[in-house]
């Protein structure tokens, strides 16, 4: 992937799917995730880099990358919690919808956001 907006969307989608693929990791994120929003390690610095590159390339409209990370990660933590407490929900559909809506929140058209949020995801190595 080369498009920074697609990279961001894929990161959201893959992280959201952790609730079904790696529920213990998702549970840890939900319970301790707020501390990661401002951490110098973990996902926050990578999310800030991805969002800054997307903003610098004109793909997303972001005024303050730290605020953007807080908004995106807060929504993601909420979705992880929802998926944990609602096992009947389709995690793929919910996380794709989250990615699409976050892209819209950051200035992308709904049609383009939907297209990016439904592209095939990269394969992850088995754990």
C-alpha atoms as a PDB file:
ATOM      1  CA  UNK A   1       0.000   0.000   0.000  1.00  0.00           C
ATOM      2  CA  UNK A   2       1.255   3.434  -0.902  1.00  0.00           C
ATOM      3  CA  UNK A   3      -1.747   5.677  -0.234  1.00  0.00           C
ATOM      4  CA  UNK A   4      -1.407   6.978   3.352  1.00  0.00           C
ATOM      5  CA  UNK A   5      -5.190   7.194   3.720  1.00  0.00           C
ATOM      6  CA  UNK A   6      -5.514   3.542   2.719  1.00  0.00           C
ATOM      7  CA  UNK A   7      -2.758   2.614   5.179  1.00  0.00           C
ATOM      8  CA  UNK A   8      -4.658   4.395   7.941  1.00  0.00           C
ATOM      9  CA  UNK A   9      -7.930   2.682   6.979  1.00  0.00           C
ATOM     10  CA  UNK A  10      -6.245  -0.735   6.856  1.00  0.00           C
ATOM     11  CA  UNK A  11      -4.715  -0.172  10.296  1.00  0.00           C
ATOM     12  CA  UNK A  12      -8.127   0.648  11.750  1.00  0.00           C
ATOM     13  CA  UNK A  13      -9.726  -2.348  10.043  1.00  0.00           C
ATOM     14  CA  UNK A  14      -7.028  -4.802  11.135  1.00  0.00           C
ATOM     15  CA  UNK A  15      -7.003  -3.525  14.711  1.00  0.00           C
ATOM     16  CA  UNK A  16     -10.780  -3.782  14.922  1.00  0.00           C
ATOM     17  CA  UNK A  17     -10.664  -7.357  13.700  1.00  0.00           C
ATOM     18  CA  UNK A  18      -8.386  -8.270  16.622  1.00  0.00           C
ATOM     19  CA  UNK A  19     -11.492  -8.754  18.738  1.00  0.00           C
ATOM     20  CA  UNK A  20     -12.348 -11.845  16.700  1.00  0.00           C
ATOM     21  CA  UNK A  21      -8.853 -13.024  15.731  1.00  0.00           C
ATOM     22  CA  UNK A  22      -6.972 -12.237  18.956  1.00  0.00           C
ATOM     23  CA  UNK A  23      -9.575 -11.506  21.647  1.00  0.00           C
ATOM     24  CA  UNK A  24      -7.074 -11.424  24.518  1.00  0.00           C
ATOM     25  CA  UNK A  25      -5.048  -8.680  22.821  1.00  0.00           C
ATOM     26  CA  UNK A  26      -8.238  -6.745  22.068  1.00  0.00           C
ATOM     27  CA  UNK A  27      -9.325  -7.055  25.695  1.00  0.00           C
ATOM     28  CA  UNK A  28      -5.984  -5.623  26.857  1.00  0.00           C
ATOM     29  CA  UNK A  29      -6.344  -2.725  24.410  1.00  0.00           C
ATOM     30  CA  UNK A  30      -9.854  -1.944  25.640  1.00  0.00           C
ATOM     31  CA  UNK A  31      -8.826  -1.975  29.289  1.00  0.00           C
ATOM     32  CA  UNK A  32      -5.539  -0.084  28.957  1.00  0.00           C
ATOM     33  CA  UNK A  33      -5.961   1.693  25.636  1.00  0.00           C
ATOM     34  CA  UNK A  34      -6.417   5.250  26.839  1.00  0.00           C
ATOM     35  CA  UNK A  35      -2.814   5.348  28.063  1.00  0.00           C
ATOM     36  CA  UNK A  36      -1.664   4.443  24.548  1.00  0.00           C
ATOM     37  CA  UNK A  37      -3.241   7.587  23.059  1.00  0.00           C
ATOM     38  CA  UNK A  38      -0.332   9.692  24.276  1.00  0.00           C
ATOM     39  CA  UNK A  39       2.348   7.028  24.588  1.00  0.00           C
ATOM     40  CA  UNK A  40       5.738   7.393  22.938  1.00  0.00           C
ATOM     41  CA  UNK A  41       5.607   3.695  22.083  1.00  0.00           C
ATOM     42  CA  UNK A  42       3.013   1.335  20.701  1.00  0.00           C
ATOM     43  CA  UNK A  43       0.476   2.328  18.065  1.00  0.00           C
ATOM     44  CA  UNK A  44       0.162   6.053  18.800  1.00  0.00           C
ATOM     45  CA  UNK A  45       3.446   7.185  17.192  1.00  0.00           C
ATOM     46  CA  UNK A  46       2.758   5.077  14.103  1.00  0.00           C
ATOM     47  CA  UNK A  47      -0.795   6.404  13.872  1.00  0.00           C
ATOM     48  CA  UNK A  48       0.526   9.961  14.172  1.00  0.00           C
ATOM     49  CA  UNK A  49       3.040   9.334  11.383  1.00  0.00           C
ATOM     50  CA  UNK A  50       0.406   7.751   9.128  1.00  0.00           C
ATOM     51  CA  UNK A  51      -2.076  10.567   9.697  1.00  0.00           C
ATOM     52  CA  UNK A  52       0.575  13.269   9.277  1.00  0.00           C
ATOM     53  CA  UNK A  53       1.702  11.772   5.958  1.00  0.00           C
ATOM     54  CA  UNK A  54      -1.924  11.561   4.812  1.00  0.00           C
ATOM     55  CA  UNK A  55      -2.446  15.214   5.771  1.00  0.00           C
ATOM     56  CA  UNK A  56       0.838  16.330   4.176  1.00  0.00           C
ATOM     57  CA  UNK A  57      -0.169  14.574   0.945  1.00  0.00           C
ATOM     58  CA  UNK A  58      -3.592  16.223   0.927  1.00  0.00           C
ATOM     59  CA  UNK A  59      -5.405  12.933   1.432  1.00  0.00           C
ATOM     60  CA  UNK A  60      -6.942  13.893   4.778  1.00  0.00           C
ATOM     61  CA  UNK A  61      -7.866  17.223   6.352  1.00  0.00           C
ATOM     62  CA  UNK A  62      -6.240  17.215   9.782  1.00  0.00           C
ATOM     63  CA  UNK A  63      -5.499  20.321  11.833  1.00  0.00           C
ATOM     64  CA  UNK A  64      -3.778  18.662  14.796  1.00  0.00           C
ATOM     65  CA  UNK A  65      -2.465  15.129  14.439  1.00  0.00           C
ATOM     66  CA  UNK A  66      -2.550  14.452  18.200  1.00  0.00           C
ATOM     67  CA  UNK A  67      -6.233  15.326  18.318  1.00  0.00           C
ATOM     68  CA  UNK A  68      -6.871  13.221  15.219  1.00  0.00           C
ATOM     69  CA  UNK A  69      -5.190  10.210  16.855  1.00  0.00           C
ATOM     70  CA  UNK A  70      -7.272  10.684  20.000  1.00  0.00           C
ATOM     71  CA  UNK A  71     -10.482  10.840  17.953  1.00  0.00           C
ATOM     72  CA  UNK A  72      -9.619   7.786  15.859  1.00  0.00           C
ATOM     73  CA  UNK A  73      -8.287   5.677  18.716  1.00  0.00           C
ATOM     74  CA  UNK A  74     -11.158   6.633  21.001  1.00  0.00           C
ATOM     75  CA  UNK A  75     -13.624   5.462  18.367  1.00  0.00           C
ATOM     76  CA  UNK A  76     -11.602   2.293  17.788  1.00  0.00           C
ATOM     77  CA  UNK A  77     -11.536   1.468  21.498  1.00  0.00           C
ATOM     78  CA  UNK A  78     -15.281   1.982  21.617  1.00  0.00           C
ATOM     79  CA  UNK A  79     -15.800  -0.397  18.704  1.00  0.00           C
ATOM     80  CA  UNK A  80     -13.496  -3.014  20.278  1.00  0.00           C
ATOM     81  CA  UNK A  81     -15.561  -2.812  23.463  1.00  0.00           C
ATOM     82  CA  UNK A  82     -18.798  -3.068  21.490  1.00  0.00           C
ATOM     83  CA  UNK A  83     -17.538  -6.144  19.642  1.00  0.00           C
ATOM     84  CA  UNK A  84     -16.435  -7.749  22.912  1.00  0.00           C
ATOM     85  CA  UNK A  85     -19.846  -7.262  24.481  1.00  0.00           C
ATOM     86  CA  UNK A  86     -21.819  -8.088  21.323  1.00  0.00           C
ATOM     87  CA  UNK A  87     -20.450 -11.305  19.856  1.00  0.00           C
ATOM     88  CA  UNK A  88     -23.344 -11.420  17.383  1.00  0.00           C
ATOM     89  CA  UNK A  89     -22.023  -8.368  15.482  1.00  0.00           C
ATOM     90  CA  UNK A  90     -20.067  -8.826  12.284  1.00  0.00           C
ATOM     91  CA  UNK A  91     -16.620  -7.503  13.238  1.00  0.00           C
ATOM     92  CA  UNK A  92     -15.516  -7.063   9.646  1.00  0.00           C
ATOM     93  CA  UNK A  93     -18.566  -5.010   8.714  1.00  0.00           C
ATOM     94  CA  UNK A  94     -18.382  -2.893  11.868  1.00  0.00           C
ATOM     95  CA  UNK A  95     -14.667  -2.140  11.547  1.00  0.00           C
ATOM     96  CA  UNK A  96     -14.941  -1.393   7.832  1.00  0.00           C
ATOM     97  CA  UNK A  97     -17.756   1.029   8.646  1.00  0.00           C
ATOM     98  CA  UNK A  98     -15.617   2.620  11.366  1.00  0.00           C
ATOM     99  CA  UNK A  99     -12.714   3.111   8.960  1.00  0.00           C
ATOM    100  CA  UNK A 100     -15.010   4.636   6.360  1.00  0.00           C
ATOM    101  CA  UNK A 101     -16.601   7.038   8.847  1.00  0.00           C
ATOM    102  CA  UNK A 102     -13.221   8.098  10.232  1.00  0.00           C
ATOM    103  CA  UNK A 103     -12.006   8.869   6.708  1.00  0.00           C
ATOM    104  CA  UNK A 104     -15.138  10.982   6.182  1.00  0.00           C
ATOM    105  CA  UNK A 105     -14.530  12.753   9.478  1.00  0.00           C
ATOM    106  CA  UNK A 106     -11.083  13.658   8.178  1.00  0.00           C
ATOM    107  CA  UNK A 107     -12.510  15.194   5.006  1.00  0.00           C
ATOM    108  CA  UNK A 108     -12.775  12.364   2.498  1.00  0.00           C
ATOM    109  CA  UNK A 109     -15.901  11.939   0.405  1.00  0.00           C
ATOM    110  CA  UNK A 110     -18.206   9.135   1.458  1.00  0.00           C
ATOM    111  CA  UNK A 111     -17.778   7.290  -1.846  1.00  0.00           C
ATOM    112  CA  UNK A 112     -13.979   7.331  -1.709  1.00  0.00           C
ATOM    113  CA  UNK A 113     -13.932   6.463   1.991  1.00  0.00           C
ATOM    114  CA  UNK A 114     -16.232   3.500   1.369  1.00  0.00           C
ATOM    115  CA  UNK A 115     -14.049   2.298  -1.483  1.00  0.00           C
ATOM    116  CA  UNK A 116     -10.862   2.501   0.618  1.00  0.00           C
ATOM    117  CA  UNK A 117     -12.516   0.825   3.598  1.00  0.00           C
ATOM    118  CA  UNK A 118     -13.561  -2.214   1.580  1.00  0.00           C
ATOM    119  CA  UNK A 119     -10.353  -2.947  -0.316  1.00  0.00           C
ATOM    120  CA  UNK A 120      -8.675  -6.297   0.349  1.00  0.00           C
ATOM    121  CA  UNK A 121      -6.537  -6.235   3.453  1.00  0.00           C
ATOM    122  CA  UNK A 122      -2.932  -7.421   3.556  1.00  0.00           C
ATOM    123  CA  UNK A 123      -2.321 -10.834   5.044  1.00  0.00           C
ATOM    124  CA  UNK A 124      -0.918 -10.873   8.538  1.00  0.00           C
ATOM    125  CA  UNK A 125       1.661 -13.410   9.661  1.00  0.00           C
ATOM    126  CA  UNK A 126       0.310 -16.239  11.764  1.00  0.00           C
ATOM    127  CA  UNK A 127       1.042 -16.026  15.475  1.00  0.00           C
END
